C-alpha atoms as a PDB file:
ATOM      1  CA  ARG A   1      58.380-232.675 105.151  1.00  0.00           C
ATOM      2  CA  GLY A   2      61.633-231.458 106.275  1.00  0.00           C
ATOM      3  CA  GLY A   3      60.830-227.271 105.874  1.00  0.00           C
ATOM      4  CA  GLU A   4      60.738-224.892 108.512  1.00  0.00           C
ATOM      5  CA  TYR A   5      57.360-224.609 110.435  1.00  0.00           C
ATOM      6  CA  SER A   6      55.819-221.190 111.246  1.00  0.00           C
ATOM      7  CA  GLU A   7      52.375-219.244 111.556  1.00  0.00           C
ATOM      8  CA  TYR A   8      53.006-217.725 108.294  1.00  0.00           C
ATOM      9  CA  VAL A   9      53.522-221.089 106.614  1.00  0.00           C
ATOM     10  CA  ALA A  10      50.572-222.231 108.406  1.00  0.00           C
ATOM     11  CA  LYS A  11      48.109-219.480 107.328  1.00  0.00           C
ATOM     12  CA  THR A  12      49.327-219.505 103.753  1.00  0.00           C
ATOM     13  CA  THR A  13      49.035-222.977 103.367  1.00  0.00           C
ATOM     14  CA  ALA A  14      45.737-223.024 104.749  1.00  0.00           C
ATOM     15  CA  ASP A  15      44.871-219.920 102.281  1.00  0.00           C
ATOM     16  CA  ILE A  16      46.028-221.897  99.393  1.00  0.00           C
ATOM     17  CA  ILE A  17      43.598-224.857 100.384  1.00  0.00           C
ATOM     18  CA  THR A  18      40.722-222.536 100.745  1.00  0.00           C
ATOM     19  CA  ARG A  19      40.866-221.433  97.469  1.00  0.00           C
ATOM     20  CA  PHE A  20      41.463-224.439  95.931  1.00  0.00           C
ATOM     21  CA  TYR A  21      38.035-225.305  97.090  1.00  0.00           C
ATOM     22  CA  LYS A  22      36.555-221.807  96.526  1.00  0.00           C
ATOM     23  CA  GLU A  23      37.466-222.533  92.612  1.00  0.00           C
ATOM     24  CA  LYS A  24      35.376-225.658  92.712  1.00  0.00           C
ATOM     25  CA  GLY A  25      32.322-224.112  94.195  1.00  0.00           C
ATOM     26  CA  PHE A  26      32.997-224.368  98.081  1.00  0.00           C
ATOM     27  CA  GLN A  27      32.871-221.248  99.410  1.00  0.00           C
ATOM     28  CA  ASN A  28      32.232-221.812 102.906  1.00  0.00           C
ATOM     29  CA  THR A  29      35.609-224.021 103.319  1.00  0.00           C
ATOM     30  CA  LYS A  30      37.087-223.960 106.793  1.00  0.00           C
ATOM     31  CA  VAL A  31      40.834-225.064 107.294  1.00  0.00           C
ATOM     32  CA  ASP A  32      42.039-226.015 110.671  1.00  0.00           C
ATOM     33  CA  VAL A  33      45.541-226.285 111.589  1.00  0.00           C
ATOM     34  CA  GLN A  34      46.377-229.337 114.083  1.00  0.00           C
ATOM     35  CA  THR A  35      49.681-229.658 115.289  1.00  0.00           C
ATOM     36  CA  LYS A  36      51.722-231.738 118.017  1.00  0.00           C
ATOM     37  CA  VAL A  37      55.153-232.310 118.818  1.00  0.00           C
ATOM     38  CA  ASP A  38      56.648-235.457 116.983  1.00  0.00           C
ATOM     39  CA  SER A  39      57.814-238.137 119.630  1.00  0.00           C
ATOM     40  CA  MET A  40      59.995-239.650 117.328  1.00  0.00           C
ATOM     41  CA  ILE A  41      62.073-236.811 115.839  1.00  0.00           C
ATOM     42  CA  ASN A  42      63.539-233.970 118.292  1.00  0.00           C
ATOM     43  CA  GLY A  43      62.475-230.426 117.052  1.00  0.00           C
ATOM     44  CA  ALA A  44      59.940-231.800 114.710  1.00  0.00           C
ATOM     45  CA  VAL A  45      56.122-231.480 114.826  1.00  0.00           C
ATOM     46  CA  ARG A  46      53.209-233.313 112.866  1.00  0.00           C
ATOM     47  CA  VAL A  47      51.069-231.025 110.919  1.00  0.00           C
ATOM     48  CA  ASN A  48      47.444-231.952 110.021  1.00  0.00           C
ATOM     49  CA  PHE A  49      45.095-229.496 107.602  1.00  0.00           C
ATOM     50  CA  ALA A  50      41.539-230.627 108.668  1.00  0.00           C
ATOM     51  CA  VAL A  51      39.413-229.472 106.015  1.00  0.00           C
ATOM     52  CA  ASP A  52      35.694-228.500 106.440  1.00  0.00           C
ATOM     53  CA  ARG A  53      34.863-227.846 102.871  1.00  0.00           C
ATOM     54  CA  GLY A  54      30.986-227.382 103.859  1.00  0.00           C
ATOM     55  CA  GLU A  55      28.385-227.309 101.316  1.00  0.00           C
ATOM     56  CA  LYS A  56      29.030-226.130  97.388  1.00  0.00           C
ATOM     57  CA  ILE A  57      27.689-223.103  96.870  1.00  0.00           C
ATOM     58  CA  LYS A  58      25.445-222.769  93.653  1.00  0.00           C
ATOM     59  CA  VAL A  59      24.057-219.808  92.038  1.00  0.00           C
ATOM     60  CA  ARG A  60      20.194-220.123  92.025  1.00  0.00           C
ATOM     61  CA  THR A  61      19.123-216.766  90.499  1.00  0.00           C
ATOM     62  CA  ILE A  62      20.247-213.900  89.297  1.00  0.00           C
ATOM     63  CA  LYS A  63      18.290-210.693  89.054  1.00  0.00           C
ATOM     64  CA  PHE A  64      18.912-207.426  87.496  1.00  0.00           C
ATOM     65  CA  GLU A  65      17.298-203.819  87.855  1.00  0.00           C
ATOM     66  CA  GLY A  66      18.038-200.639  86.033  1.00  0.00           C
ATOM     67  CA  ASN A  67      18.798-202.319  82.647  1.00  0.00           C
ATOM     68  CA  ASP A  68      16.051-200.661  80.748  1.00  0.00           C
ATOM     69  CA  HIS A  69      17.444-201.019  77.499  1.00  0.00           C
ATOM     70  CA  VAL A  70      19.358-204.260  77.793  1.00  0.00           C
ATOM     71  CA  LYS A  71      17.448-207.571  78.097  1.00  0.00           C
ATOM     72  CA  ASP A  72      17.923-209.616  81.306  1.00  0.00           C
ATOM     73  CA  VAL A  73      18.500-212.765  78.927  1.00  0.00           C
ATOM     74  CA  LYS A  74      21.402-210.878  77.229  1.00  0.00           C
ATOM     75  CA  LEU A  75      22.989-209.816  80.433  1.00  0.00           C
ATOM     76  CA  ALA A  76      22.921-213.366  81.790  1.00  0.00           C
ATOM     77  CA  MET A  77      24.353-215.247  78.764  1.00  0.00           C
ATOM     78  CA  ALA A  78      27.383-212.527  78.646  1.00  0.00           C
ATOM     79  CA  MET A  79      28.033-214.038  82.287  1.00  0.00           C
ATOM     80  CA  LYS A  80      30.685-216.835  80.870  1.00  0.00           C
ATOM     81  CA  LYS A  81      30.979-218.460  84.345  1.00  0.00           C
ATOM     82  CA  THR A  82      28.501-217.153  86.782  1.00  0.00           C
ATOM     83  CA  LYS A  83      25.277-218.866  85.602  1.00  0.00           C
ATOM     84  CA  ASP A  84      21.961-219.513  87.066  1.00  0.00           C
ATOM     85  CA  ARG A  85      19.483-222.246  86.895  1.00  0.00           C
ATOM     86  CA  ARG A  86      17.755-220.474  83.518  1.00  0.00           C
ATOM     87  CA  LEU A  87      21.217-220.931  81.562  1.00  0.00           C
ATOM     88  CA  VAL A  88      22.970-223.993  82.722  1.00  0.00           C
ATOM     89  CA  SER A  89      23.655-226.757  80.178  1.00  0.00           C
ATOM     90  CA  PHE A  90      25.503-229.978  80.314  1.00  0.00           C
ATOM     91  CA  PHE A  91      28.686-228.035  79.380  1.00  0.00           C
ATOM     92  CA  SER A  92      28.120-225.308  82.161  1.00  0.00           C
ATOM     93  CA  SER A  93      28.025-225.430  85.833  1.00  0.00           C
ATOM     94  CA  LYS A  94      26.097-223.025  88.008  1.00  0.00           C
ATOM     95  CA  LYS A  95      28.333-223.248  90.555  1.00  0.00           C
ATOM     96  CA  PHE A  96      29.701-219.986  92.352  1.00  0.00           C
ATOM     97  CA  ASP A  97      33.607-218.977  91.246  1.00  0.00           C
ATOM     98  CA  GLU A  98      34.780-216.246  93.183  1.00  0.00           C
ATOM     99  CA  LYS A  99      37.949-216.064  90.996  1.00  0.00           C
ATOM    100  CA  GLU A 100      35.795-215.363  87.563  1.00  0.00           C
ATOM    101  CA  TYR A 101      33.128-213.344  89.135  1.00  0.00           C
ATOM    102  CA  PRO A 102      35.084-210.024  88.258  1.00  0.00           C
ATOM    103  CA  ASN A 103      35.462-210.848  84.999  1.00  0.00           C
ATOM    104  CA  ASP A 104      31.857-212.171  84.388  1.00  0.00           C
ATOM    105  CA  LYS A 105      30.897-208.409  85.761  1.00  0.00           C
ATOM    106  CA  LYS A 106      33.376-206.882  83.112  1.00  0.00           C
ATOM    107  CA  ASN A 107      31.084-208.927  80.630  1.00  0.00           C
ATOM    108  CA  LEU A 108      27.877-207.257  81.940  1.00  0.00           C
ATOM    109  CA  ILE A 109      29.341-203.535  81.281  1.00  0.00           C
ATOM    110  CA  SER A 110      30.458-204.531  77.764  1.00  0.00           C
ATOM    111  CA  LYS A 111      26.838-205.281  77.018  1.00  0.00           C
ATOM    112  CA  PHE A 112      25.677-202.127  77.994  1.00  0.00           C
ATOM    113  CA  ASN A 113      28.783-200.770  75.793  1.00  0.00           C
ATOM    114  CA  GLU A 114      27.863-202.533  72.558  1.00  0.00           C
ATOM    115  CA  ALA A 115      24.253-200.726  72.979  1.00  0.00           C
ATOM    116  CA  GLY A 116      25.980-197.313  73.291  1.00  0.00           C
ATOM    117  CA  TYR A 117      25.497-196.825  76.760  1.00  0.00           C
ATOM    118  CA  ARG A 118      29.394-195.606  77.198  1.00  0.00           C
ATOM    119  CA  ASP A 119      28.938-194.734  80.840  1.00  0.00           C
ATOM    120  CA  ALA A 120      27.122-197.711  82.346  1.00  0.00           C
ATOM    121  CA  ARG A 121      28.249-198.957  85.641  1.00  0.00           C
ATOM    122  CA  ILE A 122      27.014-201.400  88.161  1.00  0.00           C
ATOM    123  CA  VAL A 123      25.882-199.427  91.082  1.00  0.00           C
ATOM    124  CA  LYS A 124      25.713-202.351  93.667  1.00  0.00           C
ATOM    125  CA  ASP A 125      26.246-206.192  93.300  1.00  0.00           C
ATOM    126  CA  THR A 126      24.652-207.824  96.491  1.00  0.00           C
ATOM    127  CA  MET A 127      24.927-211.638  97.115  1.00  0.00           C
ATOM    128  CA  TYR A 128      23.640-213.685  99.885  1.00  0.00           C
ATOM    129  CA  LEU A 129      22.771-217.377 100.670  1.00  0.00           C
ATOM    130  CA  LEU A 130      18.943-218.350 100.460  1.00  0.00           C
ATOM    131  CA  PRO A 131      17.599-220.513 103.317  1.00  0.00           C
ATOM    132  CA  PRO A 132      17.384-223.973 102.823  1.00  0.00           C
ATOM    133  CA  LYS A 133      14.096-226.093 102.527  1.00  0.00           C
ATOM    134  CA  ASP A 134      15.245-228.213 105.280  1.00  0.00           C
ATOM    135  CA  PRO A 135      15.865-225.763 108.415  1.00  0.00           C
ATOM    136  CA  THR A 136      18.491-228.645 109.613  1.00  0.00           C
ATOM    137  CA  ALA A 137      20.522-228.231 106.436  1.00  0.00           C
ATOM    138  CA  LYS A 138      23.627-225.801 105.545  1.00  0.00           C
ATOM    139  CA  PRO A 139      22.665-222.905 103.007  1.00  0.00           C
ATOM    140  CA  SER A 140      24.003-223.678  99.407  1.00  0.00           C
ATOM    141  CA  LYS A 141      21.838-221.785  97.246  1.00  0.00           C
ATOM    142  CA  LEU A 142      22.943-218.346  95.942  1.00  0.00           C
ATOM    143  CA  GLU A 143      21.156-214.974  94.641  1.00  0.00           C
ATOM    144  CA  ILE A 144      22.836-212.306  93.092  1.00  0.00           C
ATOM    145  CA  ASP A 145      21.156-209.074  92.366  1.00  0.00           C
ATOM    146  CA  PHE A 146      22.885-206.687  90.498  1.00  0.00           C
ATOM    147  CA  THR A 147      21.636-202.779  89.927  1.00  0.00           C
ATOM    148  CA  PHE A 148      22.933-200.912  87.156  1.00  0.00           C
ATOM    149  CA  ASP A 149      22.898-197.015  86.215  1.00  0.00           C
ATOM    150  CA  GLU A 150      22.573-197.030  82.333  1.00  0.00           C
ATOM    151  CA  GLY A 151      23.423-193.688  81.665  1.00  0.00           C
ATOM    152  CA  LYS A 152      22.483-191.917  77.980  1.00  0.00           C
ATOM    153  CA  GLN A 153      22.908-193.708  74.939  1.00  0.00           C
ATOM    154  CA  TYR A 154      25.769-192.259  72.588  1.00  0.00           C
ATOM    155  CA  TYR A 155      26.215-192.279  68.753  1.00  0.00           C
ATOM    156  CA  PHE A 156      29.040-191.715  66.200  1.00  0.00           C
ATOM    157  CA  ARG A 157      29.511-188.738  64.874  1.00  0.00           C
ATOM    158  CA  ASP A 158      32.819-187.386  62.723  1.00  0.00           C
ATOM    159  CA  ILE A 159      35.086-190.226  62.245  1.00  0.00           C
ATOM    160  CA  THR A 160      38.766-189.609  60.968  1.00  0.00           C
ATOM    161  CA  ARG A 161      41.781-191.113  60.088  1.00  0.00           C
ATOM    162  CA  THR A 162      45.292-190.073  60.123  1.00  0.00           C
ATOM    163  CA  GLY A 163      48.620-192.095  59.368  1.00  0.00           C
ATOM    164  CA  ASN A 164      46.981-194.447  56.364  1.00  0.00           C
ATOM    165  CA  SER A 165      48.822-193.860  53.817  1.00  0.00           C
ATOM    166  CA  VAL A 166      48.766-197.946  52.399  1.00  0.00           C
ATOM    167  CA  TYR A 167      45.137-198.265  52.634  1.00  0.00           C
ATOM    168  CA  THR A 168      42.589-195.560  51.671  1.00  0.00           C
ATOM    169  CA  SER A 169      39.842-194.188  53.963  1.00  0.00           C
ATOM    170  CA  ASP A 170      37.045-195.801  51.974  1.00  0.00           C
ATOM    171  CA  MET A 171      38.870-199.531  52.028  1.00  0.00           C
ATOM    172  CA  LEU A 172      39.337-199.243  55.778  1.00  0.00           C
ATOM    173  CA  ASN A 173      35.663-198.419  56.347  1.00  0.00           C
ATOM    174  CA  GLU A 174      34.617-201.407  54.336  1.00  0.00           C
ATOM    175  CA  ILE A 175      35.846-203.149  57.332  1.00  0.00           C
ATOM    176  CA  LEU A 176      35.118-200.894  59.771  1.00  0.00           C
ATOM    177  CA  LYS A 177      31.546-200.775  58.985  1.00  0.00           C
ATOM    178  CA  ILE A 178      30.583-197.986  61.134  1.00  0.00           C
ATOM    179  CA  ASN A 179      29.042-194.373  59.908  1.00  0.00           C
ATOM    180  CA  LYS A 180      27.818-191.190  61.039  1.00  0.00           C
ATOM    181  CA  GLY A 181      24.734-191.809  63.321  1.00  0.00           C
ATOM    182  CA  ASP A 182      25.449-195.151  64.446  1.00  0.00           C
ATOM    183  CA  ILE A 183      24.996-196.440  67.824  1.00  0.00           C
ATOM    184  CA  TYR A 184      28.162-195.737  69.694  1.00  0.00           C
ATOM    185  CA  ASP A 185      28.988-199.466  69.886  1.00  0.00           C
ATOM    186  CA  VAL A 186      32.976-199.431  71.340  1.00  0.00           C
ATOM    187  CA  VAL A 187      32.834-203.316  71.802  1.00  0.00           C
ATOM    188  CA  THR A 188      32.184-204.151  68.075  1.00  0.00           C
ATOM    189  CA  MET A 189      34.480-201.125  67.149  1.00  0.00           C
ATOM    190  CA  GLU A 190      37.614-202.611  68.831  1.00  0.00           C
ATOM    191  CA  LYS A 191      36.848-206.003  67.302  1.00  0.00           C
ATOM    192  CA  ARG A 192      37.208-204.750  64.111  1.00  0.00           C
ATOM    193  CA  LEU A 193      39.974-202.688  64.947  1.00  0.00           C
ATOM    194  CA  GLN A 194      41.884-205.118  66.535  1.00  0.00           C
ATOM    195  CA  GLY A 195      40.550-208.537  65.872  1.00  0.00           C
ATOM    196  CA  GLY A 196      38.906-211.207  68.358  1.00  0.00           C
ATOM    197  CA  GLY A 197      35.398-211.253  66.660  1.00  0.00           C
ATOM    198  CA  LYS A 198      34.145-214.337  64.851  1.00  0.00           C
ATOM    199  CA  GLU A 199      36.622-216.815  63.398  1.00  0.00           C
ATOM    200  CA  ASN A 200      37.862-215.629  59.706  1.00  0.00           C
ATOM    201  CA  GLU A 201      36.444-212.234  60.650  1.00  0.00           C
ATOM    202  CA  LEU A 202      38.424-209.658  58.962  1.00  0.00           C
ATOM    203  CA  ALA A 203      39.956-206.899  60.910  1.00  0.00           C
ATOM    204  CA  ILE A 204      42.082-203.561  60.091  1.00  0.00           C
ATOM    205  CA  SER A 205      44.969-205.024  62.133  1.00  0.00           C
ATOM    206  CA  LYS A 206      44.739-208.393  60.261  1.00  0.00           C
ATOM    207  CA  LEU A 207      44.824-206.715  56.856  1.00  0.00           C
ATOM    208  CA  TYR A 208      47.934-204.574  58.121  1.00  0.00           C
ATOM    209  CA  ARG A 209      49.777-207.714  59.509  1.00  0.00           C
ATOM    210  CA  ASP A 210      49.139-210.000  56.658  1.00  0.00           C
ATOM    211  CA  ASN A 211      50.988-207.527  54.594  1.00  0.00           C
ATOM    212  CA  GLY A 212      53.836-207.379  56.471  1.00  0.00           C
ATOM    213  CA  TYR A 213      53.293-204.706  59.169  1.00  0.00           C
ATOM    214  CA  LEU A 214      53.806-206.885  62.106  1.00  0.00           C
ATOM    215  CA  PHE A 215      53.710-203.744  64.802  1.00  0.00           C
ATOM    216  CA  PHE A 216      50.724-202.045  63.225  1.00  0.00           C
ATOM    217  CA  ASN A 217      48.792-200.217  65.636  1.00  0.00           C
ATOM    218  CA  VAL A 218      45.400-198.508  65.845  1.00  0.00           C
ATOM    219  CA  PRO A 219      44.567-197.213  69.120  1.00  0.00           C
ATOM    220  CA  PRO A 220      40.960-194.958  68.880  1.00  0.00           C
ATOM    221  CA  VAL A 221      40.861-191.832  70.723  1.00  0.00           C
ATOM    222  CA  GLU A 222      37.534-189.660  71.575  1.00  0.00           C
ATOM    223  CA  LEU A 223      38.542-186.366  70.390  1.00  0.00           C
ATOM    224  CA  ASN A 224      34.801-184.788  71.406  1.00  0.00           C
ATOM    225  CA  ILE A 225      31.943-185.712  73.326  1.00  0.00           C
ATOM    226  CA  GLN A 226      28.911-183.544  72.524  1.00  0.00           C
ATOM    227  CA  ASN A 227      25.568-184.142  73.794  1.00  0.00           C
ATOM    228  CA  ASP A 228      24.964-187.759  72.898  1.00  0.00           C
ATOM    229  CA  SER A 229      27.598-187.784  70.142  1.00  0.00           C
ATOM    230  CA  VAL A 230      31.056-188.597  70.006  1.00  0.00           C
ATOM    231  CA  ASP A 231      33.717-187.920  67.346  1.00  0.00           C
ATOM    232  CA  VAL A 232      36.526-190.608  66.831  1.00  0.00           C
END
């Protein structure tokens, strides 16, 4: 109240309201900005944001294609915020959250990376509203279809370390637990290097920082990729 009114202010405010409802699962929210001249105050307008939030959009089914080596249920569980009716519990929701969707797509690729599919990618993700049983009702159920290109599976070959004068390579490998011929699981490798795995699970970065090396850094570098093998 008392602020300057413009088309830009109206649009920005309507966008904020729309995003607010989308995060709560109302993907079809519409905001109509209604104005009329204030008869009591000279040069003022009365503004009303008429919100039609529509039906809450819920994910009914998530389908996966092209994932020949990673099971559907593992992919479905990887999506932390985008859940279909298979995995919804008391503590989770199957509402569609547009804001969290990109993160969940990254989580899908991580599952392929864990299995050694370094080049895996999402070829296509399609979402569409399913027609309601009642023809007079508005659509409120969403289906999401993913198509993947897994690429080929990779394995660790030669693993070398430089700059480790405090701990020997054998000591570090007791934590890293990676050997030549193991599946090229970059996700687990990062957790054992940087932390972020299970609670109280030892990581190489924690080993150094607990010993006073607060600015310790250990960036893994792919030195050579040949056929299905990677030197790190």
